[in-house]
Amino acid sequence: MVTFDDLAAAAKRLEGVAHLTPVGVSRLLNQACANEIFLKCENLQRAGSFKFRGAYNAVSRLEDERKARGIITYSSGNHAQALARVCRMQAIHVTIVMPQGASRMKLEAARDYGAEIVLHDPATSSREEIARELADKHGYTVIPPFDHPDIIAGQGTAAMELFQMTGPLDYLFVPCGGGGLLSGSAIAARHLAPDCKVIGVEPEAGDDGVRSFRSGTLQRVHNPQTIADGARTPSLGEHTFPIIRRCVDDMITVSDADLIRTMYFVWTRMKLVVEPTGVLGLAAVFNRRYPVAGKRVGAILSGGNVDPAAAGRWFEEQAAG
């Protein structure tokens, strides 16, 4: 079980390594949402997302002998970039299993950091199985993108910092794919702001977490088609699911159209580059998908690694509409 003490230990390891990302505020955003909004800008984190926190925490906990054998993971992009960046810092060989349809920008960034990339077809193969086979063959250590205690503890430090910078909040909206950030954030909230309600937000096409939360049974989704590529995970994890069930107050979904509207506002009014997955939490408030008004609301902008050509197409449609 991951505890707040694990988050505090992760924060010490990350001190001076991870960026202390700012909290963004905007009068126009407050007006648009009818709330006082505080954005934890993890789009400005090293490697462009909160994933650097968990990756660094997990790698720093490995023995030298395991680092020498190499590391492997599977990721659609942000964890790939973050782990590749961390491994480059420590001269560790890293192999990453990525889907063939992964963002070209994220794939190239992982390669630029020195990662060996193995592409797979998510319609016909399992990235987890490929990673396990390669780990068995080469002796690599698997560091999964979300379902790992050290990953969860590292990701939770983003919410820790947010509460330390803003004080208590009424609500915290958190993007959810596999649930590493959400579960870590919920642990932070329960310790630092016990009256704060934590809401997880998924894309409509990838609603396995919402269904799992409501049913109490782990649900799955196969290769969901959404522009929120960081939330195309098949399910919550064995570690993240029980934490979410115990510590999260509610979960909801937003549409891809909601994500584009929110991105457009944040890019044009706040001058912040965010990706679709990164605005999942804010989109729930900005598009009034959850009944809050007149509250102190936090939202984690989880990443900013977006293909500018794709963003241009989405924004052109948004402006035309």
Protein backbone atom coordinates (compact mmCIF):
# COMPACT_ATOMS: atom_id res chain seq x y z
CA MET A 1 0.00 0.00 0.00
CA VAL A 2 1.28 3.46 -0.94
CA THR A 3 1.17 5.94 1.94
CA PHE A 4 1.73 9.66 2.34
CA ASP A 5 5.15 8.84 3.81
CA ASP A 6 6.04 7.30 0.43
CA LEU A 7 5.02 10.54 -1.29
CA ALA A 8 7.12 12.58 1.16
CA ALA A 9 10.14 10.33 0.52
CA ALA A 10 9.63 10.69 -3.23
CA ALA A 11 9.48 14.48 -2.86
CA LYS A 12 12.90 14.45 -1.17
CA ARG A 13 14.38 12.38 -4.01
CA LEU A 14 12.91 14.76 -6.57
CA GLU A 15 14.06 17.92 -4.82
CA GLY A 16 16.44 19.81 -7.07
CA VAL A 17 15.83 17.35 -9.93
CA ALA A 18 12.19 17.79 -10.95
CA HIS A 19 10.93 21.29 -11.68
CA LEU A 20 8.81 22.96 -9.03
CA THR A 21 6.11 23.75 -11.57
CA PRO A 22 4.07 26.93 -11.14
CA VAL A 23 0.39 27.28 -10.29
CA GLY A 24 -1.41 29.13 -13.07
CA VAL A 25 -4.31 31.47 -12.36
CA SER A 26 -6.43 33.59 -14.70
CA ARG A 27 -9.25 36.04 -14.13
CA LEU A 28 -10.78 35.05 -17.47
CA LEU A 29 -10.61 31.38 -16.58
CA ASN A 30 -12.26 32.05 -13.22
CA GLN A 31 -15.07 33.88 -15.02
CA ALA A 32 -15.49 31.11 -17.58
CA CYS A 33 -15.69 28.42 -14.89
CA ALA A 34 -17.53 30.43 -12.19
CA ASN A 35 -14.90 29.22 -9.73
CA GLU A 36 -11.50 30.24 -8.41
CA ILE A 37 -9.23 27.95 -10.43
CA PHE A 38 -5.66 26.91 -9.64
CA LEU A 39 -3.79 25.02 -12.37
CA LYS A 40 -0.76 22.88 -11.48
CA CYS A 41 1.26 23.31 -14.65
CA GLU A 42 2.90 19.92 -15.12
CA ASN A 43 3.02 20.72 -18.84
CA LEU A 44 6.12 22.70 -17.78
CA GLN A 45 7.72 19.71 -16.04
CA ARG A 46 10.92 18.10 -17.37
CA ALA A 47 10.14 15.99 -20.47
CA GLY A 48 6.83 17.86 -20.70
CA SER A 49 4.64 16.02 -18.20
CA PHE A 50 4.14 14.84 -14.62
CA LYS A 51 5.48 11.44 -15.69
CA PHE A 52 9.04 12.58 -14.97
CA ARG A 53 8.23 12.49 -11.24
CA GLY A 54 7.27 8.84 -11.10
CA ALA A 55 9.95 7.72 -13.55
CA TYR A 56 12.73 9.39 -11.59
CA ASN A 57 11.45 8.10 -8.26
CA ALA A 58 11.20 4.52 -9.54
CA VAL A 59 14.61 4.49 -11.24
CA SER A 60 16.33 6.08 -8.25
CA ARG A 61 15.11 3.18 -6.08
CA LEU A 62 16.78 0.48 -8.23
CA GLU A 63 20.00 -1.24 -7.26
CA ASP A 64 23.02 -0.50 -9.46
CA GLU A 65 23.09 -4.08 -10.73
CA ARG A 66 19.54 -3.79 -12.09
CA LYS A 67 20.30 -0.42 -13.65
CA ALA A 68 23.28 -1.99 -15.41
CA ARG A 69 21.07 -4.68 -17.00
CA GLY A 70 18.72 -2.08 -18.43
CA ILE A 71 15.09 -1.01 -18.10
CA ILE A 72 12.02 -1.62 -20.24
CA THR A 73 8.56 -0.08 -20.29
CA TYR A 74 5.48 0.34 -22.48
CA SER A 75 3.88 3.70 -23.15
CA SER A 76 1.95 5.74 -25.68
CA GLY A 77 4.28 8.66 -25.13
CA ASN A 78 4.67 10.69 -21.95
CA HIS A 79 5.99 7.90 -19.73
CA ALA A 80 8.22 6.89 -22.63
CA GLN A 81 9.72 10.37 -22.84
CA ALA A 82 10.05 10.74 -19.09
CA LEU A 83 11.72 7.36 -18.53
CA ALA A 84 14.02 7.90 -21.50
CA ARG A 85 15.02 11.29 -20.07
CA VAL A 86 15.71 9.82 -16.63
CA CYS A 87 17.72 6.93 -18.07
CA ARG A 88 19.79 9.30 -20.18
CA MET A 89 20.62 11.28 -17.04
CA GLN A 90 21.93 8.09 -15.41
CA ALA A 91 23.44 6.38 -18.50
CA ILE A 92 20.98 3.47 -18.35
CA HIS A 93 19.87 1.54 -21.43
CA VAL A 94 16.09 1.73 -21.85
CA THR A 95 13.76 -0.05 -24.27
CA ILE A 96 10.22 1.24 -24.82
CA VAL A 97 7.31 -0.61 -26.42
CA MET A 98 5.14 1.99 -28.19
CA PRO A 99 2.01 1.65 -30.37
CA GLN A 100 2.39 2.14 -34.10
CA GLY A 101 -0.05 5.05 -33.95
CA ALA A 102 1.83 6.89 -31.20
CA SER A 103 2.33 10.63 -31.54
CA ARG A 104 5.28 11.15 -33.87
CA MET A 105 6.53 13.98 -31.67
CA LYS A 106 6.48 11.81 -28.54
CA LEU A 107 8.13 8.90 -30.33
CA GLU A 108 10.90 11.09 -31.73
CA ALA A 109 11.46 12.73 -28.34
CA ALA A 110 11.93 9.33 -26.68
CA ARG A 111 14.40 8.36 -29.42
CA ASP A 112 16.24 11.66 -29.03
CA TYR A 113 16.67 10.89 -25.34
CA GLY A 114 18.38 7.64 -26.36
CA ALA A 115 15.62 5.05 -25.97
CA GLU A 116 15.42 1.92 -28.10
CA ILE A 117 11.88 1.85 -29.53
CA VAL A 118 9.91 -1.33 -30.26
CA LEU A 119 6.68 -0.62 -32.17
CA HIS A 120 3.61 -2.84 -31.91
CA ASP A 121 0.08 -2.98 -33.30
CA PRO A 122 -2.32 -2.50 -30.36
CA ALA A 123 -5.11 -4.14 -32.36
CA THR A 124 -3.24 -7.44 -32.55
CA SER A 125 -0.68 -7.52 -29.74
CA SER A 126 -0.31 -6.70 -26.05
CA ARG A 127 2.34 -4.16 -25.14
CA GLU A 128 2.61 -5.66 -21.65
CA GLU A 129 3.28 -9.14 -23.03
CA ILE A 130 5.91 -7.85 -25.46
CA ALA A 131 7.65 -5.99 -22.62
CA ARG A 132 7.60 -9.05 -20.37
CA GLU A 133 9.04 -11.27 -23.12
CA LEU A 134 11.89 -8.83 -23.78
CA ALA A 135 12.53 -8.42 -20.06
CA ASP A 136 12.79 -12.19 -19.63
CA LYS A 137 15.09 -12.46 -22.64
CA HIS A 138 17.49 -9.65 -21.75
CA GLY A 139 17.17 -9.36 -17.97
CA TYR A 140 15.60 -5.90 -18.11
CA THR A 141 13.68 -4.43 -15.19
CA VAL A 142 10.11 -3.47 -16.09
CA ILE A 143 8.99 -0.05 -14.90
CA PRO A 144 5.32 0.23 -15.92
CA PRO A 145 3.73 3.59 -16.72
CA PHE A 146 1.34 3.75 -13.77
CA ASP A 147 0.74 0.55 -11.81
CA HIS A 148 3.78 0.58 -9.53
CA PRO A 149 4.09 1.90 -5.94
CA ASP A 150 7.14 4.08 -6.71
CA ILE A 151 5.44 5.52 -9.79
CA ILE A 152 2.30 6.35 -7.80
CA ALA A 153 4.33 7.97 -5.01
CA GLY A 154 6.28 10.09 -7.48
CA GLN A 155 3.17 11.25 -9.34
CA GLY A 156 1.49 12.21 -6.08
CA THR A 157 4.14 14.85 -5.42
CA ALA A 158 2.48 17.13 -8.02
CA ALA A 159 -0.67 17.38 -5.90
CA MET A 160 1.46 17.71 -2.75
CA GLU A 161 3.08 20.81 -4.23
CA LEU A 162 -0.27 22.19 -5.36
CA PHE A 163 -1.75 22.03 -1.85
CA GLN A 164 1.44 23.46 -0.35
CA MET A 165 1.27 26.40 -2.78
CA THR A 166 -2.47 27.13 -2.62
CA GLY A 167 -3.61 25.91 0.77
CA PRO A 168 -6.84 23.89 1.12
CA LEU A 169 -9.05 23.44 -1.93
CA ASP A 170 -12.71 22.44 -2.20
CA TYR A 171 -12.18 20.25 -5.26
CA LEU A 172 -9.28 18.73 -7.15
CA PHE A 173 -9.85 17.52 -10.74
CA VAL A 174 -7.26 15.07 -12.02
CA PRO A 175 -6.77 13.42 -15.44
CA CYS A 176 -7.01 9.64 -15.37
CA GLY A 177 -5.62 7.02 -17.73
CA GLY A 178 -4.18 4.14 -15.74
CA GLY A 179 -4.69 6.02 -12.48
CA GLY A 180 -1.13 6.66 -11.28
CA LEU A 181 -1.55 10.43 -11.06
CA LEU A 182 -5.11 10.17 -9.72
CA SER A 183 -4.28 7.67 -6.98
CA GLY A 184 -1.16 9.58 -5.93
CA SER A 185 -3.09 12.86 -5.91
CA ALA A 186 -5.86 11.34 -3.81
CA ILE A 187 -3.34 10.13 -1.22
CA ALA A 188 -1.88 13.65 -1.07
CA ALA A 189 -5.32 15.20 -0.68
CA ARG A 190 -6.39 12.87 2.10
CA HIS A 191 -3.35 13.93 4.14
CA LEU A 192 -3.00 17.63 3.26
CA ALA A 193 -6.60 18.66 2.52
CA PRO A 194 -9.00 16.02 3.90
CA ASP A 195 -12.08 18.11 3.09
CA CYS A 196 -11.10 18.42 -0.59
CA LYS A 197 -13.15 16.25 -2.96
CA VAL A 198 -10.98 14.50 -5.55
CA ILE A 199 -12.58 13.92 -8.96
CA GLY A 200 -10.99 11.74 -11.64
CA VAL A 201 -11.68 12.61 -15.28
CA GLU A 202 -11.42 10.29 -18.30
CA PRO A 203 -12.24 10.66 -22.01
CA GLU A 204 -15.66 9.32 -22.97
CA ALA A 205 -14.17 6.67 -25.26
CA GLY A 206 -11.91 5.37 -22.47
CA ASP A 207 -14.37 5.21 -19.58
CA ASP A 208 -13.09 1.98 -18.02
CA GLY A 209 -12.05 3.81 -14.85
CA VAL A 210 -15.48 5.39 -14.38
CA ARG A 211 -17.17 2.02 -14.88
CA SER A 212 -14.72 0.37 -12.50
CA PHE A 213 -15.25 3.07 -9.87
CA ARG A 214 -19.02 2.74 -10.02
CA SER A 215 -19.23 -1.06 -10.23
CA GLY A 216 -16.47 -1.94 -7.78
CA THR A 217 -15.11 -4.41 -10.35
CA LEU A 218 -12.14 -3.73 -12.62
CA GLN A 219 -13.44 -2.96 -16.13
CA ARG A 220 -11.50 -2.84 -19.39
CA VAL A 221 -11.61 -1.03 -22.73
CA HIS A 222 -9.83 -2.04 -25.93
CA ASN A 223 -7.81 0.57 -27.85
CA PRO A 224 -10.18 3.52 -27.22
CA GLN A 225 -10.31 6.10 -30.00
CA THR A 226 -9.77 9.51 -28.41
CA ILE A 227 -7.45 12.44 -28.98
CA ALA A 228 -6.41 12.03 -25.31
CA ASP A 229 -3.69 9.55 -26.27
CA GLY A 230 -2.25 9.47 -22.76
CA ALA A 231 -5.53 8.00 -21.47
CA ARG A 232 -5.86 5.11 -23.93
CA THR A 233 -4.96 2.61 -21.23
CA PRO A 234 -6.99 -0.64 -21.19
CA SER A 235 -7.78 -0.48 -17.48
CA LEU A 236 -6.81 0.81 -14.07
CA GLY A 237 -4.12 -1.22 -12.32
CA GLU A 238 -3.96 -3.67 -9.44
CA HIS A 239 -2.33 -0.96 -7.32
CA THR A 240 -4.21 2.10 -8.59
CA PHE A 241 -7.74 0.68 -8.60
CA PRO A 242 -8.07 0.01 -4.84
CA ILE A 243 -6.53 3.39 -3.99
CA ILE A 244 -8.97 5.14 -6.31
CA ARG A 245 -11.92 3.22 -4.87
CA ARG A 246 -10.85 4.15 -1.34
CA CYS A 247 -9.62 7.73 -1.71
CA VAL A 248 -11.31 9.29 -4.78
CA ASP A 249 -14.73 10.90 -4.35
CA ASP A 250 -16.08 10.63 -7.89
CA MET A 251 -15.17 10.00 -11.51
CA ILE A 252 -16.64 11.40 -14.73
CA THR A 253 -15.92 11.60 -18.46
CA VAL A 254 -15.59 14.44 -20.95
CA SER A 255 -15.81 14.39 -24.74
CA ASP A 256 -13.05 15.08 -27.24
CA ALA A 257 -14.97 18.25 -28.18
CA ASP A 258 -14.77 19.33 -24.52
CA LEU A 259 -11.00 18.78 -24.60
CA ILE A 260 -10.55 20.87 -27.75
CA ARG A 261 -12.62 23.75 -26.37
CA THR A 262 -10.59 23.73 -23.16
CA MET A 263 -7.24 23.47 -24.96
CA TYR A 264 -8.19 26.35 -27.24
CA PHE A 265 -8.96 28.60 -24.27
CA VAL A 266 -5.79 27.68 -22.38
CA TRP A 267 -3.58 28.15 -25.46
CA THR A 268 -5.12 31.44 -26.61
CA ARG A 269 -5.98 33.10 -23.31
CA MET A 270 -3.38 31.75 -20.90
CA LYS A 271 -0.59 31.13 -23.45
CA LEU A 272 0.04 27.64 -22.08
CA VAL A 273 0.77 24.71 -24.40
CA VAL A 274 -1.22 21.73 -23.15
CA GLU A 275 -2.14 18.40 -24.74
CA PRO A 276 -5.63 16.83 -24.79
CA THR A 277 -4.91 14.42 -21.94
CA GLY A 278 -3.40 17.32 -19.99
CA VAL A 279 -6.70 19.23 -19.84
CA LEU A 280 -8.96 16.32 -18.89
CA GLY A 281 -9.37 17.63 -15.34
CA LEU A 282 -9.90 21.26 -16.30
CA ALA A 283 -12.30 20.30 -19.11
CA ALA A 284 -14.77 18.93 -16.58
CA VAL A 285 -14.99 22.34 -14.89
CA PHE A 286 -14.60 24.54 -17.98
CA ASN A 287 -17.43 22.75 -19.82
CA ARG A 288 -19.64 22.55 -16.68
CA ARG A 289 -19.66 18.74 -16.68
CA TYR A 290 -19.55 18.64 -12.89
CA PRO A 291 -21.80 20.73 -10.59
CA VAL A 292 -19.40 23.10 -8.86
CA ALA A 293 -19.66 26.88 -8.65
CA GLY A 294 -18.13 29.47 -6.39
CA LYS A 295 -15.50 27.07 -5.08
CA ARG A 296 -11.70 26.95 -4.80
CA VAL A 297 -10.85 24.37 -7.45
CA GLY A 298 -7.55 22.80 -8.38
CA ALA A 299 -6.83 21.02 -11.65
CA ILE A 300 -3.63 19.34 -12.75
CA LEU A 301 -2.51 20.16 -16.29
CA SER A 302 -0.74 16.84 -16.68
CA GLY A 303 1.24 17.41 -19.88
CA GLY A 304 2.08 19.57 -22.86
CA ASN A 305 3.46 17.10 -25.40
CA VAL A 306 1.18 17.72 -28.35
CA ASP A 307 1.69 17.49 -32.10
CA PRO A 308 1.37 21.13 -33.25
CA ALA A 309 -0.03 20.06 -36.63
CA ALA A 310 -2.83 18.11 -34.93
CA ALA A 311 -3.51 21.00 -32.56
CA GLY A 312 -3.71 23.33 -35.56
CA ARG A 313 -6.38 21.14 -37.16
CA TRP A 314 -8.40 20.95 -33.95
CA PHE A 315 -8.18 24.69 -33.39
CA GLU A 316 -9.12 25.51 -36.97
CA GLU A 317 -12.30 23.48 -36.53
CA GLN A 318 -12.92 25.12 -33.15
CA ALA A 319 -12.49 28.64 -34.54
CA ALA A 320 -14.72 27.84 -37.50
CA GLY A 321 -17.40 26.42 -35.23
